[in-house]
Structure formats: structure tokens, C-alpha cells
C-alpha atoms as a PDB file:
ATOM      1  CA  MET A   1       0.290  -0.107  -0.025  1.00  0.00           C
ATOM      2  CA  SER A   2       1.420   3.382  -1.092  1.00  0.00           C
ATOM      3  CA  ALA A   3       1.743   6.312   1.606  1.00  0.00           C
ATOM      4  CA  ARG A   4      -0.770   8.277  -0.358  1.00  0.00           C
ATOM      5  CA  THR A   5      -3.394   5.187  -0.179  1.00  0.00           C
ATOM      6  CA  GLU A   6      -2.740   4.558   3.415  1.00  0.00           C
ATOM      7  CA  PHE A   7      -3.112   8.328   4.083  1.00  0.00           C
ATOM      8  CA  ASP A   8      -6.535   8.324   2.320  1.00  0.00           C
ATOM      9  CA  LYS A   9      -7.551   5.307   4.354  1.00  0.00           C
ATOM     10  CA  GLU A  10      -6.847   7.015   7.594  1.00  0.00           C
ATOM     11  CA  LEU A  11      -8.657  10.316   6.436  1.00  0.00           C
ATOM     12  CA  GLU A  12     -11.501   8.046   5.526  1.00  0.00           C
ATOM     13  CA  GLU A  13     -11.743   6.448   9.051  1.00  0.00           C
ATOM     14  CA  LEU A  14     -11.471   9.773  10.535  1.00  0.00           C
ATOM     15  CA  HIS A  15     -14.569  10.969   8.514  1.00  0.00           C
ATOM     16  CA  LEU A  16     -16.293   7.764  10.048  1.00  0.00           C
ATOM     17  CA  GLU A  17     -15.443   8.760  13.504  1.00  0.00           C
ATOM     18  CA  ILE A  18     -16.422  12.123  13.105  1.00  0.00           C
ATOM     19  CA  ILE A  19     -19.890  10.800  11.919  1.00  0.00           C
ATOM     20  CA  ARG A  20     -20.222   8.319  14.805  1.00  0.00           C
ATOM     21  CA  MET A  21     -19.338  11.366  17.298  1.00  0.00           C
ATOM     22  CA  GLY A  22     -21.978  13.390  15.247  1.00  0.00           C
ATOM     23  CA  GLY A  23     -24.653  10.573  15.520  1.00  0.00           C
ATOM     24  CA  LEU A  24     -24.020  10.602  19.199  1.00  0.00           C
ATOM     25  CA  ILE A  25     -24.471  14.252  19.821  1.00  0.00           C
ATOM     26  CA  GLU A  26     -27.642  14.362  17.859  1.00  0.00           C
ATOM     27  CA  GLU A  27     -29.028  11.667  19.828  1.00  0.00           C
ATOM     28  CA  ALA A  28     -28.220  13.129  23.013  1.00  0.00           C
ATOM     29  CA  ILE A  29     -29.793  16.593  21.974  1.00  0.00           C
ATOM     30  CA  ASP A  30     -32.902  14.817  21.011  1.00  0.00           C
ATOM     31  CA  ARG A  31     -33.128  12.500  24.058  1.00  0.00           C
ATOM     32  CA  SER A  32     -32.490  15.532  26.439  1.00  0.00           C
ATOM     33  CA  ILE A  33     -35.565  17.039  25.181  1.00  0.00           C
ATOM     34  CA  THR A  34     -37.685  13.906  25.382  1.00  0.00           C
ATOM     35  CA  ALA A  35     -36.419  13.544  29.026  1.00  0.00           C
ATOM     36  CA  LEU A  36     -37.577  17.200  29.613  1.00  0.00           C
ATOM     37  CA  GLU A  37     -40.959  16.618  28.283  1.00  0.00           C
ATOM     38  CA  LYS A  38     -41.613  13.352  29.820  1.00  0.00           C
ATOM     39  CA  ARG A  39     -39.667  14.310  32.951  1.00  0.00           C
ATOM     40  CA  ASP A  40     -37.806  10.908  32.578  1.00  0.00           C
ATOM     41  CA  ARG A  41     -35.309  10.907  35.162  1.00  0.00           C
ATOM     42  CA  GLU A  42     -33.894   7.653  34.262  1.00  0.00           C
ATOM     43  CA  LEU A  43     -33.273   8.902  30.637  1.00  0.00           C
ATOM     44  CA  ALA A  44     -31.877  12.159  31.881  1.00  0.00           C
ATOM     45  CA  GLU A  45     -29.263  10.147  34.009  1.00  0.00           C
ATOM     46  CA  THR A  46     -28.561   8.057  31.057  1.00  0.00           C
ATOM     47  CA  ILE A  47     -27.785  10.956  28.824  1.00  0.00           C
ATOM     48  CA  ILE A  48     -25.241  12.419  31.643  1.00  0.00           C
ATOM     49  CA  ALA A  49     -23.466   8.977  31.757  1.00  0.00           C
ATOM     50  CA  ASN A  50     -23.231   8.815  28.219  1.00  0.00           C
ATOM     51  CA  ASP A  51     -21.416  11.967  27.834  1.00  0.00           C
ATOM     52  CA  ARG A  52     -18.238  10.131  28.689  1.00  0.00           C
ATOM     53  CA  LYS A  53     -18.737   8.209  25.333  1.00  0.00           C
ATOM     54  CA  ILE A  54     -18.646  11.541  23.573  1.00  0.00           C
ATOM     55  CA  ASP A  55     -15.715  12.904  25.531  1.00  0.00           C
ATOM     56  CA  ASP A  56     -13.645   9.529  24.895  1.00  0.00           C
ATOM     57  CA  LEU A  57     -14.486   9.734  20.925  1.00  0.00           C
ATOM     58  CA  ASP A  58     -13.417  13.297  20.938  1.00  0.00           C
ATOM     59  CA  HIS A  59      -9.935  12.083  22.289  1.00  0.00           C
ATOM     60  CA  ALA A  60      -9.616   9.279  19.969  1.00  0.00           C
ATOM     61  CA  ILE A  61     -10.154  11.668  16.953  1.00  0.00           C
ATOM     62  CA  GLU A  62      -7.709  14.336  18.234  1.00  0.00           C
ATOM     63  CA  ALA A  63      -5.068  11.438  18.595  1.00  0.00           C
ATOM     64  CA  ARG A  64      -5.946  10.195  15.053  1.00  0.00           C
ATOM     65  CA  CYS A  65      -5.518  13.858  13.663  1.00  0.00           C
ATOM     66  CA  LEU A  66      -2.205  14.490  15.406  1.00  0.00           C
ATOM     67  CA  SER A  67      -1.051  11.114  14.114  1.00  0.00           C
ATOM     68  CA  LEU A  68      -1.771  11.910  10.598  1.00  0.00           C
ATOM     69  CA  LEU A  69      -0.017  15.153  11.044  1.00  0.00           C
ATOM     70  CA  LEU A  70       3.074  13.553  12.429  1.00  0.00           C
ATOM     71  CA  ARG A  71       3.449  10.319  10.358  1.00  0.00           C
ATOM     72  CA  GLN A  72       2.318  11.686   7.081  1.00  0.00           C
ATOM     73  CA  GLN A  73       3.472  14.759   4.948  1.00  0.00           C
ATOM     74  CA  PRO A  74       0.075  16.263   3.972  1.00  0.00           C
ATOM     75  CA  VAL A  75      -0.362  18.761   1.386  1.00  0.00           C
ATOM     76  CA  ALA A  76      -2.254  21.820   1.874  1.00  0.00           C
ATOM     77  CA  ALA A  77      -5.589  20.449   1.208  1.00  0.00           C
ATOM     78  CA  ASP A  78      -4.830  17.599   3.786  1.00  0.00           C
ATOM     79  CA  LEU A  79      -3.655  19.900   6.275  1.00  0.00           C
ATOM     80  CA  ARG A  80      -7.006  21.914   6.101  1.00  0.00           C
ATOM     81  CA  ALA A  81      -9.062  18.524   6.428  1.00  0.00           C
ATOM     82  CA  ILE A  82      -7.191  17.584   9.502  1.00  0.00           C
ATOM     83  CA  SER A  83      -7.224  21.027  10.962  1.00  0.00           C
ATOM     84  CA  THR A  84     -10.880  21.325  10.266  1.00  0.00           C
ATOM     85  CA  ALA A  85     -11.595  17.892  12.021  1.00  0.00           C
ATOM     86  CA  LEU A  86      -9.483  19.103  15.055  1.00  0.00           C
ATOM     87  CA  LYS A  87     -11.432  22.371  15.302  1.00  0.00           C
ATOM     88  CA  MET A  88     -14.852  20.633  14.841  1.00  0.00           C
ATOM     89  CA  VAL A  89     -14.461  17.837  17.518  1.00  0.00           C
ATOM     90  CA  THR A  90     -13.919  20.779  20.040  1.00  0.00           C
ATOM     91  CA  ASP A  91     -17.363  22.111  19.129  1.00  0.00           C
ATOM     92  CA  MET A  92     -18.814  18.702  18.990  1.00  0.00           C
ATOM     93  CA  GLU A  93     -17.785  17.870  22.338  1.00  0.00           C
ATOM     94  CA  ARG A  94     -19.193  21.236  23.751  1.00  0.00           C
ATOM     95  CA  ILE A  95     -22.392  20.141  22.033  1.00  0.00           C
ATOM     96  CA  GLY A  96     -22.482  16.913  23.931  1.00  0.00           C
ATOM     97  CA  ASP A  97     -21.875  18.629  27.109  1.00  0.00           C
ATOM     98  CA  HIS A  98     -24.851  21.026  26.719  1.00  0.00           C
ATOM     99  CA  ALA A  99     -26.949  18.209  25.964  1.00  0.00           C
ATOM    100  CA  SER A 100     -25.788  16.786  29.323  1.00  0.00           C
ATOM    101  CA  ASP A 101     -26.421  20.087  30.823  1.00  0.00           C
ATOM    102  CA  ILE A 102     -30.344  20.367  29.796  1.00  0.00           C
ATOM    103  CA  ALA A 103     -30.514  16.479  30.830  1.00  0.00           C
ATOM    104  CA  ASP A 104     -28.988  17.628  34.408  1.00  0.00           C
ATOM    105  CA  LEU A 105     -31.416  20.551  34.707  1.00  0.00           C
ATOM    106  CA  THR A 106     -34.232  18.118  33.758  1.00  0.00           C
ATOM    107  CA  LEU A 107     -33.448  16.516  37.047  1.00  0.00           C
ATOM    108  CA  ARG A 108     -34.321  19.454  38.754  1.00  0.00           C
ATOM    109  CA  PHE A 109     -38.175  19.608  37.803  1.00  0.00           C
ATOM    110  CA  ASP A 110     -40.485  18.135  40.332  1.00  0.00           C
ATOM    111  CA  GLY A 111     -43.958  16.798  39.734  1.00  0.00           C
ATOM    112  CA  SER A 112     -45.360  20.445  39.702  1.00  0.00           C
ATOM    113  CA  PRO A 113     -46.842  21.749  36.304  1.00  0.00           C
ATOM    114  CA  PHE A 114     -44.654  23.442  33.618  1.00  0.00           C
ATOM    115  CA  ILE A 115     -44.922  27.283  34.154  1.00  0.00           C
ATOM    116  CA  LYS A 116     -44.896  27.538  30.354  1.00  0.00           C
ATOM    117  CA  THR A 117     -45.661  25.256  27.476  1.00  0.00           C
ATOM    118  CA  LEU A 118     -42.776  23.602  25.683  1.00  0.00           C
ATOM    119  CA  GLU A 119     -43.500  24.694  22.254  1.00  0.00           C
ATOM    120  CA  HIS A 120     -40.598  26.926  21.492  1.00  0.00           C
ATOM    121  CA  ILE A 121     -37.888  24.883  23.262  1.00  0.00           C
ATOM    122  CA  PRO A 122     -38.438  21.533  21.474  1.00  0.00           C
ATOM    123  CA  LEU A 123     -38.437  23.539  18.237  1.00  0.00           C
ATOM    124  CA  MET A 124     -35.210  25.067  18.961  1.00  0.00           C
ATOM    125  CA  ALA A 125     -33.881  21.580  19.692  1.00  0.00           C
ATOM    126  CA  ARG A 126     -35.119  20.312  16.343  1.00  0.00           C
ATOM    127  CA  ILE A 127     -33.506  23.040  14.319  1.00  0.00           C
ATOM    128  CA  ALA A 128     -30.022  22.964  16.303  1.00  0.00           C
ATOM    129  CA  SER A 129     -30.006  19.348  16.031  1.00  0.00           C
ATOM    130  CA  SER A 130     -30.766  19.511  12.356  1.00  0.00           C
ATOM    131  CA  MET A 131     -27.921  22.221  11.932  1.00  0.00           C
ATOM    132  CA  VAL A 132     -25.520  19.812  13.890  1.00  0.00           C
ATOM    133  CA  LYS A 133     -26.417  16.993  11.640  1.00  0.00           C
ATOM    134  CA  ASP A 134     -26.078  19.033   8.403  1.00  0.00           C
ATOM    135  CA  SER A 135     -22.834  20.434   9.304  1.00  0.00           C
ATOM    136  CA  ILE A 136     -21.290  17.166   9.659  1.00  0.00           C
ATOM    137  CA  ASN A 137     -22.554  16.187   6.419  1.00  0.00           C
ATOM    138  CA  ALA A 138     -21.263  19.178   4.770  1.00  0.00           C
ATOM    139  CA  PHE A 139     -17.741  18.492   6.305  1.00  0.00           C
ATOM    140  CA  VAL A 140     -17.879  14.931   5.114  1.00  0.00           C
ATOM    141  CA  ARG A 141     -18.857  16.123   1.272  1.00  0.00           C
ATOM    142  CA  GLY A 142     -16.856  19.299   1.535  1.00  0.00           C
ATOM    143  CA  ASP A 143     -19.875  21.339   0.866  1.00  0.00           C
ATOM    144  CA  ALA A 144     -19.140  25.039   1.600  1.00  0.00           C
ATOM    145  CA  GLU A 145     -22.342  26.195   0.081  1.00  0.00           C
ATOM    146  CA  ALA A 146     -24.313  23.954   2.302  1.00  0.00           C
ATOM    147  CA  SER A 147     -22.351  25.410   5.363  1.00  0.00           C
ATOM    148  CA  ARG A 148     -23.276  28.853   4.394  1.00  0.00           C
ATOM    149  CA  GLU A 149     -27.054  27.847   4.183  1.00  0.00           C
ATOM    150  CA  ILE A 150     -26.777  26.111   7.757  1.00  0.00           C
ATOM    151  CA  ILE A 151     -25.023  29.260   9.244  1.00  0.00           C
ATOM    152  CA  ASP A 152     -28.299  31.400   7.927  1.00  0.00           C
ATOM    153  CA  ARG A 153     -30.471  29.061   9.933  1.00  0.00           C
ATOM    154  CA  ASP A 154     -28.837  30.025  13.228  1.00  0.00           C
ATOM    155  CA  ASP A 155     -31.299  33.300  13.063  1.00  0.00           C
ATOM    156  CA  GLU A 156     -34.280  30.939  13.793  1.00  0.00           C
ATOM    157  CA  VAL A 157     -32.636  29.394  16.880  1.00  0.00           C
ATOM    158  CA  ASP A 158     -31.682  32.998  18.067  1.00  0.00           C
ATOM    159  CA  GLN A 159     -35.330  34.156  17.384  1.00  0.00           C
ATOM    160  CA  LEU A 160     -36.699  31.473  19.478  1.00  0.00           C
ATOM    161  CA  PHE A 161     -34.422  32.054  22.218  1.00  0.00           C
ATOM    162  CA  GLU A 162     -35.533  35.794  22.203  1.00  0.00           C
ATOM    163  CA  THR A 163     -39.172  34.394  22.444  1.00  0.00           C
ATOM    164  CA  VAL A 164     -38.297  31.994  25.254  1.00  0.00           C
ATOM    165  CA  LYS A 165     -36.596  34.834  27.094  1.00  0.00           C
ATOM    166  CA  GLN A 166     -39.188  37.255  26.591  1.00  0.00           C
ATOM    167  CA  GLU A 167     -41.918  34.748  28.081  1.00  0.00           C
ATOM    168  CA  ILE A 168     -39.744  34.160  31.151  1.00  0.00           C
ATOM    169  CA  ILE A 169     -39.437  37.718  31.819  1.00  0.00           C
ATOM    170  CA  SER A 170     -43.173  38.050  31.513  1.00  0.00           C
ATOM    171  CA  ILE A 171     -43.670  35.078  33.862  1.00  0.00           C
ATOM    172  CA  LEU A 172     -41.370  36.530  36.347  1.00  0.00           C
ATOM    173  CA  ALA A 173     -42.920  40.018  36.401  1.00  0.00           C
ATOM    174  CA  ASN A 174     -46.400  38.215  37.350  1.00  0.00           C
ATOM    175  CA  SER A 175     -45.175  36.120  39.838  1.00  0.00           C
ATOM    176  CA  SER A 176     -41.906  35.341  41.758  1.00  0.00           C
ATOM    177  CA  GLU A 177     -43.105  32.010  43.030  1.00  0.00           C
ATOM    178  CA  SER A 178     -41.783  30.043  39.836  1.00  0.00           C
ATOM    179  CA  ALA A 179     -38.563  31.652  39.752  1.00  0.00           C
ATOM    180  CA  ASP A 180     -36.368  28.566  40.122  1.00  0.00           C
ATOM    181  CA  GLN A 181     -38.127  26.749  37.210  1.00  0.00           C
ATOM    182  CA  ALA A 182     -38.166  30.026  35.117  1.00  0.00           C
ATOM    183  CA  VAL A 183     -34.352  30.254  35.379  1.00  0.00           C
ATOM    184  CA  ASP A 184     -33.827  26.540  34.523  1.00  0.00           C
ATOM    185  CA  PHE A 185     -36.162  26.991  31.583  1.00  0.00           C
ATOM    186  CA  LEU A 186     -34.068  29.933  30.439  1.00  0.00           C
ATOM    187  CA  MET A 187     -30.811  28.036  30.717  1.00  0.00           C
ATOM    188  CA  ILE A 188     -32.327  25.158  28.747  1.00  0.00           C
ATOM    189  CA  ALA A 189     -33.038  27.603  25.941  1.00  0.00           C
ATOM    190  CA  LYS A 190     -29.549  28.950  26.379  1.00  0.00           C
ATOM    191  CA  TYR A 191     -27.963  25.706  26.086  1.00  0.00           C
ATOM    192  CA  LEU A 192     -29.820  25.165  22.831  1.00  0.00           C
ATOM    193  CA  GLU A 193     -28.941  28.539  21.429  1.00  0.00           C
ATOM    194  CA  ARG A 194     -25.204  27.625  22.163  1.00  0.00           C
ATOM    195  CA  ILE A 195     -25.581  24.182  20.207  1.00  0.00           C
ATOM    196  CA  GLY A 196     -26.679  26.432  17.229  1.00  0.00           C
ATOM    197  CA  ASP A 197     -23.544  28.548  17.653  1.00  0.00           C
ATOM    198  CA  HIS A 198     -21.302  25.612  17.650  1.00  0.00           C
ATOM    199  CA  ALA A 199     -22.902  24.186  14.750  1.00  0.00           C
ATOM    200  CA  VAL A 200     -22.268  27.751  13.004  1.00  0.00           C
ATOM    201  CA  ASN A 201     -18.474  27.222  14.075  1.00  0.00           C
ATOM    202  CA  ILE A 202     -18.424  23.920  12.424  1.00  0.00           C
ATOM    203  CA  CYS A 203     -19.682  25.082   9.297  1.00  0.00           C
ATOM    204  CA  GLY A 204     -16.950  28.059   9.338  1.00  0.00           C
ATOM    205  CA  TRP A 205     -14.336  25.591   9.518  1.00  0.00           C
ATOM    206  CA  VAL A 206     -15.991  23.265   6.773  1.00  0.00           C
ATOM    207  CA  ILE A 207     -15.766  26.561   4.544  1.00  0.00           C
ATOM    208  CA  PHE A 208     -12.007  26.838   5.591  1.00  0.00           C
ATOM    209  CA  SER A 209     -11.452  23.272   4.715  1.00  0.00           C
ATOM    210  CA  VAL A 210     -12.628  24.029   1.161  1.00  0.00           C
ATOM    211  CA  THR A 211     -11.692  27.575   0.439  1.00  0.00           C
ATOM    212  CA  GLY A 212      -8.598  27.786   2.938  1.00  0.00           C
ATOM    213  CA  LYS A 213     -10.376  30.987   4.283  1.00  0.00           C
ATOM    214  CA  HIS A 214     -11.925  31.279   7.824  1.00  0.00           C
ATOM    215  CA  LYS A 215     -13.813  34.393   8.295  1.00  0.00           C
ATOM    216  CA  ASP A 216     -12.628  35.890   4.993  1.00  0.00           C
ATOM    217  CA  THR A 217      -8.971  35.618   6.221  1.00  0.00           C
ATOM    218  CA  LYS A 218      -6.877  33.359   4.056  1.00  0.00           C
ATOM    219  CA  ILE A 219      -5.217  30.879   6.348  1.00  0.00           C
ATOM    220  CA  ILE A 220      -3.862  27.787   4.326  1.00  0.00           C
END
């Protein structure tokens, strides 16, 4: 097997590991909202425990990237692909953390009624989760145009966060008795907004992997 063939094989394996990590974080986001909606403590605890798997895969991908850089002599395009993977997994690991944070907050809810309907929070989660999935697919395909479209979708997440925030402010203005639950809802919405931001970061690095530019600055 030639050095180039071996390198390409390892790049393919790197892509597969990123796809696997992407699947784990997408599942964590979706299940964290399910746990919230159903007040499922067991599911929430499972999400928190499974965050270790995401962390372990993050470390494995970083190690593979560094090995590729040290053992091979990558050309500029290869350097961009490996550098992008290193940057992406940092954001992906943080997404897993935020899903775990949502699950942790779910454990704080008791049997009392929710102070607000959950319509906006699950919608935020669906959009943010789709952004994460599509950003990883864009990396695998090397699709800069799709990445730009995904970045634009973050406006929807930001608008929904503002809606939830205003709802919480209105609730607190009328009653301070539900302050703890109101703050928890606001934090859950904030974590989802941050997940959207991390998906945007991933897309920015995908664009870099294709063009060599990050935020309009030429790097490689």
C-alpha cells in the first residue's frame, strides 16, 4: 500500500469517527428534550452518563488527527481537512456537554406543572439538532455552500431564544413563586442557542477546509 493510499484510508476512517460522534451528539440533544418533556429521570441520567462516550471519542479523534500530521506529509488540502477535524471535534464535544447540561437541569423539575408550554424549546432543539447533523454532512462532502445555508438557519434559533426569554421575563414579572423553574427554562434555551452557535462554528471550519479561508481571512 502506497503512503498516499494509506493516508486516504486513514482520512476516511477519521470521517467515519466524526460521523459516529455526530450521531452520538444528535441523539443526546434529541433525548435530552424527550427527557424534559416526559420528565424522565432515568433517561436524563443515561444522557449524563453517556457523555463520557462522547468525550472518549473526542480524544480518539484528536489523537488520530495528530498522528496523521506527525506520520504523514500532508499537502495543503490535507492540512485543512485535518485542522478542520481538530477544530470541529472541540465544538462537537461542547455540544455533547450542553445536551448533558439540559439533562441535568431536567432532574431539577419535580411533579409540579410546567410554568409554560414547551412548544418553543423542542422547536429550538429540532432546528439546532438538524444544524449539527447537516454541518457534519457538509464536512464529509466538502460542501461550503451547504455550510453557508446552515449558518443562516441560526437566526431561527436566536429568534426562538429571544421568544423564550421574553416569555420568562413576563412570567417573572407576574409571579416570583416560579423563579427557580423559570431560570431553569431560560438556561435550557440558552444551551440550545449555544448548540446552534457551535454548529455555526463547525460550518465556518468546513468552509475553511474547502477554501482555505476562515472568516474571510486566508490561512492555508
